[in-house]
Amino acid sequence: MEFGPGQIFSVIWLGILTSISPCPLATNIAATTYIGRQIDSRYATVFAALAYTFGRTFSYMILSILIVAGLISIPGVSFFLQNHMNQILGPVLLITGLFILDLIPLRLPNFALNAGMLQKLGDSGFMGAVALGFLFALSFCPVSAALFFGSVIPLALKFQSRLILPFFYGIGTAAPVILFAMIIAYSSRLAGQFFKRLALVERWLRRITGVIFILIGIYFCLKYNFLIINF
């Protein structure tokens, strides 16, 4: 099944929302700032952010390949998904919206790099930045886990897009990180102000997105699961 600009825009938006959520944003800023300080260049933080972004995007694509390709390769599962994907999407989107709004608690195992490994990767320059991006992408917070596994992966399954949609999701996670890195390169004081305002904006964007997910999930359930509406 072909996907279009609407699906690409959706996953980019989900990536942006993931990146500006408090936990991923704090991780991204800490990583790019730390690596930038290890590289002797005025714009090291920006280049480090680009390398870090590549690592994150690559991680999402690998996860998508393993999950999507694995499920599609099983004949029974592939047939079931092709015929019942819309019925699955309704409850998944509804539950994902509840996770995004923190109405359902989601507990995930805590993953963290120790100080020694962080310093070693930071001292490794741009390759270290790529490695940090890859590893931190696997450290899912509740919101990022809900957005990736509850939205991006179902869309990738629906449209059988193992690489493209996860790639654009990774690009979405990059935009605020690169922007923040550019601000750091010019003014640390301005970066602090930007961070505070972004935290406030994120809360409202997350609430709006969560409500949209719930409404779309209810619509899909009424249309495809309960056959109550036909528009």
N, C-alpha and C. Protein backbone atom coordinates (compact mmCIF):
# COMPACT_ATOMS: atom_id res chain seq x y z
N MET A 1 0.85 -1.19 0.00
CA MET A 1 0.00 0.00 0.00
C MET A 1 0.89 1.24 0.00
N GLU A 2 0.56 2.19 -0.91
CA GLU A 2 1.38 3.40 -1.03
C GLU A 2 1.00 4.42 0.05
N PHE A 3 2.01 5.14 0.52
CA PHE A 3 1.75 6.22 1.45
C PHE A 3 2.05 7.54 0.75
N GLY A 4 1.50 8.62 1.29
CA GLY A 4 1.65 9.92 0.65
C GLY A 4 2.18 10.97 1.60
N PRO A 5 2.08 12.24 1.19
CA PRO A 5 2.58 13.34 2.01
C PRO A 5 1.95 13.39 3.39
N GLY A 6 0.67 13.00 3.48
CA GLY A 6 -0.01 13.04 4.78
C GLY A 6 0.66 12.14 5.80
N GLN A 7 1.02 10.92 5.38
CA GLN A 7 1.68 9.99 6.30
C GLN A 7 3.09 10.46 6.64
N ILE A 8 3.79 11.02 5.65
CA ILE A 8 5.14 11.53 5.91
C ILE A 8 5.10 12.70 6.89
N PHE A 9 4.15 13.61 6.69
CA PHE A 9 4.00 14.73 7.61
C PHE A 9 3.66 14.23 9.02
N SER A 10 2.82 13.20 9.09
CA SER A 10 2.41 12.67 10.39
C SER A 10 3.60 12.14 11.18
N VAL A 11 4.46 11.34 10.52
CA VAL A 11 5.58 10.76 11.25
C VAL A 11 6.64 11.83 11.58
N ILE A 12 6.78 12.84 10.72
CA ILE A 12 7.69 13.94 11.04
C ILE A 12 7.19 14.68 12.28
N TRP A 13 5.88 14.93 12.33
CA TRP A 13 5.30 15.59 13.50
C TRP A 13 5.49 14.74 14.76
N LEU A 14 5.28 13.44 14.64
CA LEU A 14 5.49 12.56 15.79
C LEU A 14 6.95 12.59 16.24
N GLY A 15 7.87 12.67 15.27
CA GLY A 15 9.28 12.77 15.62
C GLY A 15 9.60 14.07 16.35
N ILE A 16 9.02 15.17 15.87
CA ILE A 16 9.23 16.46 16.54
C ILE A 16 8.68 16.42 17.96
N LEU A 17 7.47 15.86 18.11
CA LEU A 17 6.87 15.78 19.44
C LEU A 17 7.71 14.89 20.35
N THR A 18 8.26 13.81 19.81
CA THR A 18 9.14 12.95 20.59
C THR A 18 10.37 13.72 21.07
N SER A 19 10.96 14.48 20.15
CA SER A 19 12.22 15.16 20.46
C SER A 19 12.06 16.25 21.50
N ILE A 20 10.89 16.91 21.54
CA ILE A 20 10.71 18.01 22.50
C ILE A 20 10.04 17.56 23.79
N SER A 21 9.76 16.27 23.90
CA SER A 21 9.27 15.75 25.18
C SER A 21 10.40 15.86 26.20
N PRO A 22 10.08 16.11 27.47
CA PRO A 22 11.13 16.44 28.46
C PRO A 22 12.28 15.45 28.53
N CYS A 23 11.98 14.16 28.61
CA CYS A 23 13.05 13.17 28.78
C CYS A 23 13.97 13.10 27.55
N PRO A 24 13.42 12.88 26.33
CA PRO A 24 14.30 12.84 25.16
C PRO A 24 15.03 14.16 24.92
N LEU A 25 14.36 15.29 25.15
CA LEU A 25 14.99 16.59 24.90
C LEU A 25 16.18 16.79 25.82
N ALA A 26 16.02 16.47 27.10
CA ALA A 26 17.12 16.61 28.04
C ALA A 26 18.30 15.72 27.64
N THR A 27 17.99 14.49 27.23
CA THR A 27 19.03 13.56 26.79
C THR A 27 19.74 14.07 25.55
N ASN A 28 18.96 14.55 24.58
CA ASN A 28 19.54 15.05 23.33
C ASN A 28 20.45 16.25 23.58
N ILE A 29 19.98 17.18 24.39
CA ILE A 29 20.76 18.39 24.67
C ILE A 29 22.06 18.03 25.40
N ALA A 30 21.95 17.16 26.40
CA ALA A 30 23.14 16.77 27.16
C ALA A 30 24.16 16.10 26.26
N ALA A 31 23.70 15.21 25.39
CA ALA A 31 24.61 14.47 24.52
C ALA A 31 25.30 15.39 23.52
N THR A 32 24.52 16.23 22.81
CA THR A 32 25.13 17.09 21.79
C THR A 32 26.06 18.13 22.42
N THR A 33 25.66 18.67 23.56
CA THR A 33 26.52 19.65 24.23
C THR A 33 27.83 19.02 24.69
N TYR A 34 27.74 17.83 25.28
CA TYR A 34 28.93 17.15 25.78
C TYR A 34 29.88 16.83 24.64
N ILE A 35 29.34 16.29 23.55
CA ILE A 35 30.20 15.91 22.43
C ILE A 35 30.80 17.15 21.79
N GLY A 36 29.99 18.22 21.67
CA GLY A 36 30.49 19.44 21.06
C GLY A 36 31.67 20.02 21.80
N ARG A 37 31.70 19.87 23.11
CA ARG A 37 32.81 20.39 23.91
C ARG A 37 34.09 19.59 23.70
N GLN A 38 33.95 18.38 23.20
CA GLN A 38 35.14 17.55 23.01
C GLN A 38 35.81 17.78 21.66
N ILE A 39 35.12 18.52 20.77
CA ILE A 39 35.62 18.71 19.41
C ILE A 39 36.08 20.16 19.25
N ASP A 40 37.29 20.36 18.77
CA ASP A 40 37.89 21.69 18.69
C ASP A 40 37.40 22.41 17.44
N SER A 41 36.20 22.96 17.51
CA SER A 41 35.64 23.71 16.40
C SER A 41 34.52 24.60 16.92
N ARG A 42 34.35 25.76 16.32
CA ARG A 42 33.32 26.70 16.77
C ARG A 42 31.93 26.11 16.61
N TYR A 43 31.75 25.39 15.54
CA TYR A 43 30.44 24.82 15.26
C TYR A 43 30.40 23.32 15.56
N ALA A 44 31.23 22.91 16.49
CA ALA A 44 31.30 21.48 16.81
C ALA A 44 29.97 20.94 17.31
N THR A 45 29.23 21.74 18.09
CA THR A 45 27.97 21.28 18.64
C THR A 45 26.96 20.98 17.53
N VAL A 46 26.96 21.83 16.48
CA VAL A 46 26.04 21.60 15.36
C VAL A 46 26.40 20.32 14.63
N PHE A 47 27.69 20.13 14.34
CA PHE A 47 28.11 18.91 13.66
C PHE A 47 27.86 17.68 14.53
N ALA A 48 28.08 17.85 15.82
CA ALA A 48 27.81 16.73 16.73
C ALA A 48 26.33 16.39 16.73
N ALA A 49 25.47 17.42 16.67
CA ALA A 49 24.03 17.17 16.64
C ALA A 49 23.63 16.42 15.38
N LEU A 50 24.25 16.76 14.25
CA LEU A 50 23.96 16.05 12.99
C LEU A 50 24.39 14.59 13.08
N ALA A 51 25.59 14.36 13.63
CA ALA A 51 26.06 12.98 13.78
C ALA A 51 25.18 12.21 14.77
N TYR A 52 24.81 12.86 15.85
CA TYR A 52 23.94 12.25 16.86
C TYR A 52 22.59 11.91 16.25
N THR A 53 22.08 12.80 15.41
CA THR A 53 20.80 12.57 14.73
C THR A 53 20.87 11.37 13.81
N PHE A 54 21.99 11.26 13.09
CA PHE A 54 22.15 10.10 12.20
C PHE A 54 22.08 8.80 13.00
N GLY A 55 22.72 8.79 14.15
CA GLY A 55 22.69 7.60 14.99
C GLY A 55 21.28 7.26 15.45
N ARG A 56 20.50 8.28 15.85
CA ARG A 56 19.12 8.04 16.28
C ARG A 56 18.27 7.52 15.13
N THR A 57 18.39 8.16 13.97
CA THR A 57 17.60 7.75 12.81
C THR A 57 17.92 6.32 12.41
N PHE A 58 19.19 5.98 12.41
CA PHE A 58 19.61 4.63 12.05
C PHE A 58 19.03 3.61 13.03
N SER A 59 18.97 3.96 14.30
CA SER A 59 18.42 3.06 15.31
C SER A 59 16.94 2.80 15.05
N TYR A 60 16.19 3.86 14.75
CA TYR A 60 14.75 3.70 14.48
C TYR A 60 14.52 2.84 13.24
N MET A 61 15.35 3.02 12.23
CA MET A 61 15.20 2.24 11.00
C MET A 61 15.51 0.77 11.25
N ILE A 62 16.53 0.49 12.06
CA ILE A 62 16.85 -0.90 12.38
C ILE A 62 15.70 -1.56 13.15
N LEU A 63 15.16 -0.85 14.14
CA LEU A 63 14.02 -1.38 14.90
C LEU A 63 12.84 -1.65 13.98
N SER A 64 12.57 -0.73 13.07
CA SER A 64 11.46 -0.91 12.16
C SER A 64 11.66 -2.11 11.25
N ILE A 65 12.88 -2.27 10.74
CA ILE A 65 13.16 -3.41 9.87
C ILE A 65 12.91 -4.72 10.62
N LEU A 66 13.40 -4.80 11.85
CA LEU A 66 13.26 -6.03 12.62
C LEU A 66 11.79 -6.34 12.92
N ILE A 67 11.03 -5.30 13.28
CA ILE A 67 9.63 -5.52 13.66
C ILE A 67 8.74 -5.72 12.44
N VAL A 68 8.81 -4.77 11.50
CA VAL A 68 7.91 -4.81 10.34
C VAL A 68 8.24 -5.99 9.44
N ALA A 69 9.52 -6.12 9.08
CA ALA A 69 9.91 -7.23 8.20
C ALA A 69 9.63 -8.57 8.86
N GLY A 70 9.86 -8.65 10.17
CA GLY A 70 9.60 -9.90 10.89
C GLY A 70 8.14 -10.29 10.85
N LEU A 71 7.25 -9.32 11.08
CA LEU A 71 5.82 -9.62 11.09
C LEU A 71 5.30 -9.92 9.68
N ILE A 72 5.76 -9.13 8.70
CA ILE A 72 5.29 -9.34 7.33
C ILE A 72 5.75 -10.68 6.76
N SER A 73 6.92 -11.14 7.20
CA SER A 73 7.48 -12.38 6.66
C SER A 73 6.73 -13.63 7.15
N ILE A 74 5.91 -13.50 8.19
CA ILE A 74 5.12 -14.63 8.68
C ILE A 74 3.80 -14.62 7.94
N PRO A 75 3.53 -15.62 7.09
CA PRO A 75 2.34 -15.58 6.22
C PRO A 75 1.03 -15.32 6.97
N GLY A 76 0.81 -16.04 8.07
CA GLY A 76 -0.44 -15.89 8.81
C GLY A 76 -0.59 -14.50 9.39
N VAL A 77 0.49 -13.97 9.96
CA VAL A 77 0.45 -12.63 10.54
C VAL A 77 0.27 -11.58 9.46
N SER A 78 0.99 -11.73 8.34
CA SER A 78 0.89 -10.78 7.24
C SER A 78 -0.53 -10.73 6.69
N PHE A 79 -1.15 -11.89 6.50
CA PHE A 79 -2.53 -11.95 6.00
C PHE A 79 -3.49 -11.28 6.99
N PHE A 80 -3.29 -11.55 8.27
CA PHE A 80 -4.16 -10.97 9.30
C PHE A 80 -4.03 -9.45 9.32
N LEU A 81 -2.80 -8.94 9.23
CA LEU A 81 -2.58 -7.51 9.26
C LEU A 81 -3.18 -6.82 8.04
N GLN A 82 -3.05 -7.43 6.88
CA GLN A 82 -3.58 -6.85 5.66
C GLN A 82 -5.10 -6.72 5.72
N ASN A 83 -5.75 -7.65 6.39
CA ASN A 83 -7.21 -7.68 6.41
C ASN A 83 -7.83 -7.01 7.63
N HIS A 84 -7.03 -6.82 8.68
CA HIS A 84 -7.59 -6.28 9.92
C HIS A 84 -6.81 -5.10 10.48
N MET A 85 -5.97 -4.46 9.65
CA MET A 85 -5.13 -3.39 10.17
C MET A 85 -5.95 -2.22 10.69
N ASN A 86 -7.04 -1.87 9.99
CA ASN A 86 -7.86 -0.75 10.44
C ASN A 86 -8.53 -1.06 11.78
N GLN A 87 -8.94 -2.32 11.97
CA GLN A 87 -9.53 -2.70 13.26
C GLN A 87 -8.50 -2.66 14.38
N ILE A 88 -7.25 -2.92 14.04
CA ILE A 88 -6.19 -2.87 15.04
C ILE A 88 -5.82 -1.43 15.38
N LEU A 89 -5.80 -0.57 14.35
CA LEU A 89 -5.36 0.81 14.53
C LEU A 89 -6.25 1.57 15.51
N GLY A 90 -7.55 1.32 15.48
CA GLY A 90 -8.47 2.04 16.35
C GLY A 90 -8.10 1.93 17.82
N PRO A 91 -8.08 0.72 18.38
CA PRO A 91 -7.69 0.57 19.79
C PRO A 91 -6.26 1.03 20.07
N VAL A 92 -5.33 0.78 19.11
CA VAL A 92 -3.93 1.17 19.32
C VAL A 92 -3.81 2.69 19.44
N LEU A 93 -4.46 3.43 18.53
CA LEU A 93 -4.40 4.89 18.58
C LEU A 93 -5.08 5.42 19.83
N LEU A 94 -6.19 4.80 20.22
CA LEU A 94 -6.91 5.24 21.42
C LEU A 94 -6.04 5.07 22.66
N ILE A 95 -5.41 3.91 22.79
CA ILE A 95 -4.56 3.64 23.95
C ILE A 95 -3.31 4.52 23.91
N THR A 96 -2.75 4.71 22.71
CA THR A 96 -1.58 5.57 22.58
C THR A 96 -1.89 6.99 23.02
N GLY A 97 -3.07 7.50 22.65
CA GLY A 97 -3.47 8.83 23.08
C GLY A 97 -3.56 8.94 24.59
N LEU A 98 -4.05 7.88 25.24
CA LEU A 98 -4.14 7.89 26.70
C LEU A 98 -2.75 7.88 27.33
N PHE A 99 -1.81 7.16 26.70
CA PHE A 99 -0.42 7.17 27.18
C PHE A 99 0.19 8.56 27.04
N ILE A 100 -0.04 9.19 25.88
CA ILE A 100 0.54 10.51 25.62
C ILE A 100 0.04 11.53 26.63
N LEU A 101 -1.24 11.42 27.02
CA LEU A 101 -1.83 12.35 27.98
C LEU A 101 -1.54 11.96 29.43
N ASP A 102 -0.76 10.88 29.62
CA ASP A 102 -0.42 10.39 30.96
C ASP A 102 -1.64 9.94 31.75
N LEU A 103 -2.71 9.55 31.04
CA LEU A 103 -3.89 9.04 31.72
C LEU A 103 -3.72 7.57 32.07
N ILE A 104 -2.80 6.91 31.38
CA ILE A 104 -2.43 5.53 31.71
C ILE A 104 -0.93 5.54 31.99
N PRO A 105 -0.50 5.14 33.17
CA PRO A 105 0.94 5.13 33.47
C PRO A 105 1.66 4.05 32.68
N LEU A 106 2.83 4.37 32.22
CA LEU A 106 3.65 3.43 31.47
C LEU A 106 5.01 3.37 32.13
N ARG A 107 5.36 2.20 32.64
CA ARG A 107 6.65 2.02 33.32
C ARG A 107 7.59 1.26 32.40
N LEU A 108 8.74 1.86 32.17
CA LEU A 108 9.74 1.24 31.32
C LEU A 108 11.03 1.06 32.09
N PRO A 109 11.82 0.02 31.75
CA PRO A 109 13.11 -0.14 32.43
C PRO A 109 14.02 1.03 32.14
N ASN A 110 14.73 1.47 33.15
CA ASN A 110 15.61 2.64 33.03
C ASN A 110 16.93 2.23 32.39
N PHE A 111 17.26 2.92 31.28
CA PHE A 111 18.50 2.65 30.57
C PHE A 111 19.37 3.89 30.63
N ALA A 112 20.59 3.73 31.07
CA ALA A 112 21.47 4.90 31.16
C ALA A 112 22.92 4.46 30.94
N LEU A 113 23.66 5.34 30.28
CA LEU A 113 25.08 5.08 30.09
C LEU A 113 25.83 5.58 31.32
N ASN A 114 26.79 4.80 31.76
CA ASN A 114 27.56 5.27 32.90
C ASN A 114 28.51 6.38 32.46
N ALA A 115 29.04 7.10 33.42
CA ALA A 115 29.87 8.27 33.11
C ALA A 115 31.10 7.89 32.29
N GLY A 116 31.68 6.73 32.59
CA GLY A 116 32.86 6.31 31.85
C GLY A 116 32.59 6.07 30.38
N MET A 117 31.47 5.40 30.08
CA MET A 117 31.13 5.14 28.68
C MET A 117 30.76 6.43 27.97
N LEU A 118 30.05 7.33 28.67
CA LEU A 118 29.69 8.61 28.08
C LEU A 118 30.94 9.40 27.71
N GLN A 119 31.91 9.42 28.61
CA GLN A 119 33.14 10.15 28.33
C GLN A 119 33.91 9.51 27.19
N LYS A 120 33.93 8.18 27.15
CA LYS A 120 34.65 7.49 26.08
C LYS A 120 34.04 7.78 24.72
N LEU A 121 32.70 7.72 24.64
CA LEU A 121 32.04 8.02 23.38
C LEU A 121 32.18 9.49 23.01
N GLY A 122 32.11 10.36 24.02
CA GLY A 122 32.28 11.78 23.76
C GLY A 122 33.65 12.11 23.22
N ASP A 123 34.67 11.42 23.73
CA ASP A 123 36.05 11.64 23.28
C ASP A 123 36.31 11.05 21.90
N SER A 124 35.35 10.26 21.39
CA SER A 124 35.53 9.59 20.09
C SER A 124 35.08 10.46 18.93
N GLY A 125 34.72 11.71 19.20
CA GLY A 125 34.37 12.64 18.13
C GLY A 125 33.03 12.31 17.51
N PHE A 126 32.98 12.46 16.19
CA PHE A 126 31.70 12.31 15.49
C PHE A 126 31.20 10.87 15.51
N MET A 127 32.10 9.90 15.45
CA MET A 127 31.66 8.50 15.52
C MET A 127 31.07 8.20 16.90
N GLY A 128 31.63 8.85 17.90
CA GLY A 128 31.06 8.71 19.24
C GLY A 128 29.67 9.31 19.31
N ALA A 129 29.47 10.43 18.60
CA ALA A 129 28.15 11.07 18.56
C ALA A 129 27.13 10.15 17.89
N VAL A 130 27.55 9.50 16.81
CA VAL A 130 26.66 8.54 16.13
C VAL A 130 26.29 7.41 17.09
N ALA A 131 27.28 6.89 17.80
CA ALA A 131 27.03 5.79 18.74
C ALA A 131 26.10 6.23 19.87
N LEU A 132 26.29 7.44 20.38
CA LEU A 132 25.42 7.95 21.43
C LEU A 132 23.98 8.09 20.93
N GLY A 133 23.83 8.62 19.71
CA GLY A 133 22.49 8.75 19.15
C GLY A 133 21.80 7.41 19.01
N PHE A 134 22.55 6.42 18.55
CA PHE A 134 21.99 5.08 18.38
C PHE A 134 21.55 4.49 19.72
N LEU A 135 22.41 4.63 20.74
CA LEU A 135 22.11 4.04 22.04
C LEU A 135 20.98 4.78 22.76
N PHE A 136 21.01 6.11 22.70
CA PHE A 136 19.97 6.88 23.39
C PHE A 136 18.61 6.72 22.73
N ALA A 137 18.59 6.43 21.43
CA ALA A 137 17.30 6.19 20.76
C ALA A 137 16.64 4.93 21.31
N LEU A 138 17.44 4.00 21.79
CA LEU A 138 16.89 2.77 22.36
C LEU A 138 16.42 2.96 23.79
N SER A 139 16.71 4.11 24.38
CA SER A 139 16.29 4.41 25.74
C SER A 139 14.95 5.13 25.69
N PHE A 140 13.88 4.35 25.55
CA PHE A 140 12.56 4.93 25.36
C PHE A 140 11.97 5.41 26.67
N CYS A 141 11.49 6.66 26.66
CA CYS A 141 10.67 7.18 27.75
C CYS A 141 9.22 6.80 27.44
N PRO A 142 8.30 6.93 28.40
CA PRO A 142 6.91 6.56 28.14
C PRO A 142 6.31 7.23 26.90
N VAL A 143 6.52 8.55 26.76
CA VAL A 143 5.93 9.25 25.62
C VAL A 143 6.56 8.79 24.31
N SER A 144 7.89 8.71 24.26
CA SER A 144 8.55 8.31 23.02
C SER A 144 8.22 6.87 22.65
N ALA A 145 8.08 5.99 23.65
CA ALA A 145 7.70 4.60 23.38
C ALA A 145 6.29 4.53 22.82
N ALA A 146 5.38 5.32 23.40
CA ALA A 146 4.00 5.33 22.92
C ALA A 146 3.93 5.84 21.49
N LEU A 147 4.69 6.91 21.19
CA LEU A 147 4.66 7.49 19.86
C LEU A 147 5.28 6.56 18.82
N PHE A 148 6.40 5.94 19.16
CA PHE A 148 7.09 5.10 18.17
C PHE A 148 6.37 3.76 17.98
N PHE A 149 6.18 3.02 19.07
CA PHE A 149 5.59 1.69 18.95
C PHE A 149 4.08 1.74 18.75
N GLY A 150 3.43 2.82 19.23
CA GLY A 150 1.98 2.90 19.10
C GLY A 150 1.51 3.65 17.88
N SER A 151 2.43 4.33 17.17
CA SER A 151 2.01 5.13 16.02
C SER A 151 2.86 4.86 14.78
N VAL A 152 4.18 5.04 14.91
CA VAL A 152 5.05 4.90 13.75
C VAL A 152 5.07 3.45 13.25
N ILE A 153 5.24 2.51 14.17
CA ILE A 153 5.28 1.10 13.76
C ILE A 153 3.96 0.64 13.15
N PRO A 154 2.78 0.96 13.74
CA PRO A 154 1.53 0.60 13.06
C PRO A 154 1.40 1.20 11.67
N LEU A 155 1.83 2.46 11.50
CA LEU A 155 1.78 3.08 10.18
C LEU A 155 2.74 2.37 9.22
N ALA A 156 3.92 2.03 9.71
CA ALA A 156 4.88 1.31 8.87
C ALA A 156 4.33 -0.06 8.47
N LEU A 157 3.62 -0.71 9.38
CA LEU A 157 2.99 -2.00 9.06
C LEU A 157 1.87 -1.82 8.04
N LYS A 158 1.04 -0.82 8.26
CA LYS A 158 -0.11 -0.59 7.38
C LYS A 158 0.35 -0.34 5.95
N PHE A 159 1.40 0.46 5.79
CA PHE A 159 1.87 0.82 4.46
C PHE A 159 3.10 0.02 4.04
N GLN A 160 3.47 -0.97 4.88
CA GLN A 160 4.62 -1.84 4.60
C GLN A 160 5.87 -1.01 4.26
N SER A 161 6.10 0.01 5.06
CA SER A 161 7.26 0.89 4.88
C SER A 161 8.26 0.60 5.98
N ARG A 162 9.25 -0.21 5.67
CA ARG A 162 10.23 -0.60 6.68
C ARG A 162 11.26 0.49 6.95
N LEU A 163 11.49 1.35 5.95
CA LEU A 163 12.57 2.33 6.07
C LEU A 163 12.11 3.78 5.97
N ILE A 164 11.25 4.09 5.00
CA ILE A 164 10.96 5.48 4.68
C ILE A 164 10.25 6.20 5.82
N LEU A 165 9.15 5.64 6.32
CA LEU A 165 8.43 6.32 7.39
C LEU A 165 9.26 6.42 8.67
N PRO A 166 9.95 5.35 9.11
CA PRO A 166 10.84 5.50 10.26
C PRO A 166 11.96 6.50 10.02
N PHE A 167 12.44 6.59 8.77
CA PHE A 167 13.49 7.56 8.45
C PHE A 167 12.98 8.98 8.67
N PHE A 168 11.78 9.29 8.18
CA PHE A 168 11.23 10.63 8.37
C PHE A 168 10.89 10.89 9.83
N TYR A 169 10.53 9.85 10.56
CA TYR A 169 10.34 10.01 12.01
C TYR A 169 11.66 10.44 12.66
N GLY A 170 12.75 9.80 12.25
CA GLY A 170 14.07 10.18 12.76
C GLY A 170 14.42 11.61 12.39
N ILE A 171 14.05 12.03 11.17
CA ILE A 171 14.29 13.41 10.76
C ILE A 171 13.51 14.37 11.66
N GLY A 172 12.28 13.98 12.00
CA GLY A 172 11.49 14.81 12.89
C GLY A 172 12.13 14.96 14.26
N THR A 173 12.71 13.88 14.77
CA THR A 173 13.38 13.97 16.07
C THR A 173 14.63 14.85 15.98
N ALA A 174 15.13 15.07 14.77
CA ALA A 174 16.37 15.83 14.59
C ALA A 174 16.15 17.33 14.67
N ALA A 175 15.00 17.81 14.14
CA ALA A 175 14.82 19.24 13.95
C ALA A 175 15.05 20.08 15.21
N PRO A 176 14.38 19.78 16.34
CA PRO A 176 14.62 20.61 17.54
C PRO A 176 16.04 20.46 18.08
N VAL A 177 16.62 19.26 17.93
CA VAL A 177 17.97 19.03 18.43
C VAL A 177 18.98 19.90 17.67
N ILE A 178 18.86 19.90 16.35
CA ILE A 178 19.78 20.70 15.54
C ILE A 178 19.57 22.19 15.80
N LEU A 179 18.30 22.59 15.93
CA LEU A 179 18.00 24.00 16.23
C LEU A 179 18.62 24.41 17.55
N PHE A 180 18.49 23.56 18.56
CA PHE A 180 19.06 23.88 19.86
C PHE A 180 20.58 23.93 19.79
N ALA A 181 21.17 23.02 19.02
CA ALA A 181 22.63 23.01 18.88
C ALA A 181 23.11 24.30 18.23
N MET A 182 22.35 24.82 17.25
CA MET A 182 22.72 26.07 16.60
C MET A 182 22.63 27.24 17.59
N ILE A 183 21.61 27.21 18.46
CA ILE A 183 21.47 28.26 19.46
C ILE A 183 22.63 28.21 20.45
N ILE A 184 23.01 26.98 20.86
CA ILE A 184 24.15 26.82 21.77
C ILE A 184 25.42 27.41 21.15
N ALA A 185 25.58 27.22 19.83
CA ALA A 185 26.78 27.70 19.15
C ALA A 185 26.88 29.22 19.20
N TYR A 186 25.75 29.91 19.33
CA TYR A 186 25.76 31.37 19.33
C TYR A 186 25.59 31.97 20.72
N SER A 187 24.73 31.37 21.54
CA SER A 187 24.48 31.99 22.84
C SER A 187 23.92 30.96 23.81
N SER A 188 24.64 30.68 24.87
CA SER A 188 24.16 29.75 25.88
C SER A 188 22.99 30.36 26.66
N ARG A 189 22.98 31.68 26.85
CA ARG A 189 21.88 32.33 27.56
C ARG A 189 20.58 32.20 26.77
N LEU A 190 20.67 32.42 25.46
CA LEU A 190 19.50 32.28 24.60
C LEU A 190 19.01 30.84 24.59
N ALA A 191 19.95 29.89 24.67
CA ALA A 191 19.58 28.47 24.70
C ALA A 191 18.74 28.15 25.92
N GLY A 192 19.09 28.73 27.08
CA GLY A 192 18.32 28.49 28.29
C GLY A 192 16.90 29.01 28.16
N GLN A 193 16.73 30.20 27.58
CA GLN A 193 15.40 30.76 27.37
C GLN A 193 14.59 29.92 26.40
N PHE A 194 15.26 29.46 25.35
CA PHE A 194 14.60 28.61 24.36
C PHE A 194 14.11 27.32 24.98
N PHE A 195 14.94 26.73 25.83
CA PHE A 195 14.59 25.47 26.49
C PHE A 195 13.35 25.64 27.36
N LYS A 196 13.27 26.73 28.12
CA LYS A 196 12.12 26.96 29.00
C LYS A 196 10.84 27.14 28.20
N ARG A 197 10.91 27.91 27.13
CA ARG A 197 9.71 28.12 26.32
C ARG A 197 9.29 26.85 25.59
N LEU A 198 10.27 26.08 25.15
CA LEU A 198 9.96 24.84 24.45
C LEU A 198 9.27 23.85 25.38
N ALA A 199 9.68 23.83 26.64
CA ALA A 199 9.04 22.94 27.61
C ALA A 199 7.57 23.29 27.79
N LEU A 200 7.25 24.58 27.78
CA LEU A 200 5.85 25.01 27.91
C LEU A 200 5.07 24.65 26.66
N VAL A 201 5.64 24.90 25.49
CA VAL A 201 4.97 24.58 24.23
C VAL A 201 4.74 23.08 24.12
N GLU A 202 5.72 22.30 24.55
CA GLU A 202 5.61 20.84 24.44
C GLU A 202 4.40 20.31 25.17
N ARG A 203 4.10 20.84 26.34
CA ARG A 203 2.96 20.35 27.11
C ARG A 203 1.66 20.52 26.34
N TRP A 204 1.49 21.68 25.69
CA TRP A 204 0.26 21.91 24.94
C TRP A 204 0.23 21.09 23.67
N LEU A 205 1.36 20.99 22.98
CA LEU A 205 1.40 20.18 21.76
C LEU A 205 1.12 18.72 22.06
N ARG A 206 1.66 18.23 23.19
CA ARG A 206 1.41 16.83 23.57
C ARG A 206 -0.06 16.60 23.89
N ARG A 207 -0.67 17.56 24.59
CA ARG A 207 -2.09 17.42 24.92
C ARG A 207 -2.94 17.41 23.66
N ILE A 208 -2.64 18.34 22.74
CA ILE A 208 -3.42 18.40 21.49
C ILE A 208 -3.26 17.11 20.70
N THR A 209 -2.01 16.63 20.59
CA THR A 209 -1.76 15.39 19.84
C THR A 209 -2.46 14.21 20.51
N GLY A 210 -2.40 14.13 21.84
CA GLY A 210 -3.07 13.05 22.55
C GLY A 210 -4.56 13.03 22.31
N VAL A 211 -5.20 14.21 22.34
CA VAL A 211 -6.64 14.30 22.08
C VAL A 211 -6.95 13.89 20.65
N ILE A 212 -6.11 14.31 19.70
CA ILE A 212 -6.32 13.92 18.29
C ILE A 212 -6.22 12.40 18.14
N PHE A 213 -5.24 11.80 18.79
CA PHE A 213 -5.09 10.35 18.74
C PHE A 213 -6.34 9.65 19.27
N ILE A 214 -6.84 10.14 20.39
CA ILE A 214 -8.04 9.52 20.99
C ILE A 214 -9.24 9.66 20.05
N LEU A 215 -9.43 10.84 19.47
CA LEU A 215 -10.56 11.06 18.58
C LEU A 215 -10.46 10.17 17.33
N ILE A 216 -9.25 10.08 16.76
CA ILE A 216 -9.07 9.22 15.58
C ILE A 216 -9.27 7.76 15.96
N GLY A 217 -8.76 7.37 17.15
CA GLY A 217 -8.95 6.00 17.61
C GLY A 217 -10.41 5.66 17.80
N ILE A 218 -11.19 6.59 18.39
CA ILE A 218 -12.63 6.38 18.56
C ILE A 218 -13.32 6.26 17.20
N TYR A 219 -12.91 7.12 16.26
CA TYR A 219 -13.49 7.06 14.91
C TYR A 219 -13.23 5.71 14.25
N PHE A 220 -11.98 5.25 14.31
CA PHE A 220 -11.64 3.96 13.71
C PHE A 220 -12.41 2.82 14.38
N CYS A 221 -12.54 2.88 15.69
CA CYS A 221 -13.28 1.83 16.40
C CYS A 221 -14.74 1.81 15.98
N LEU A 222 -15.36 3.00 15.91
CA LEU A 222 -16.77 3.07 15.53
C LEU A 222 -16.99 2.64 14.08
N LYS A 223 -16.02 2.95 13.22
CA LYS A 223 -16.17 2.65 11.79
C LYS A 223 -15.81 1.21 11.44
N TYR A 224 -14.68 0.73 11.97
CA TYR A 224 -14.18 -0.57 11.52
C TYR A 224 -14.43 -1.70 12.53
N ASN A 225 -14.52 -1.39 13.80
CA ASN A 225 -14.71 -2.43 14.80
C ASN A 225 -16.19 -2.66 15.10
N PHE A 226 -16.94 -1.56 15.29
CA PHE A 226 -18.35 -1.69 15.66
C PHE A 226 -19.30 -1.43 14.50
N LEU A 227 -18.77 -0.93 13.36
CA LEU A 227 -19.56 -0.70 12.14
C LEU A 227 -20.77 0.20 12.41
N ILE A 228 -20.58 1.19 13.28
CA ILE A 228 -21.68 2.08 13.63
C ILE A 228 -21.78 3.23 12.63
N ILE A 229 -20.65 3.70 12.13
CA ILE A 229 -20.65 4.80 11.16
C ILE A 229 -20.03 4.31 9.86
N ASN A 230 -20.35 4.99 8.76
CA ASN A 230 -19.85 4.56 7.44
C ASN A 230 -19.26 5.72 6.63
N PHE A 231 -18.79 6.75 7.33
CA PHE A 231 -18.18 7.89 6.62
C PHE A 231 -16.75 8.06 7.06
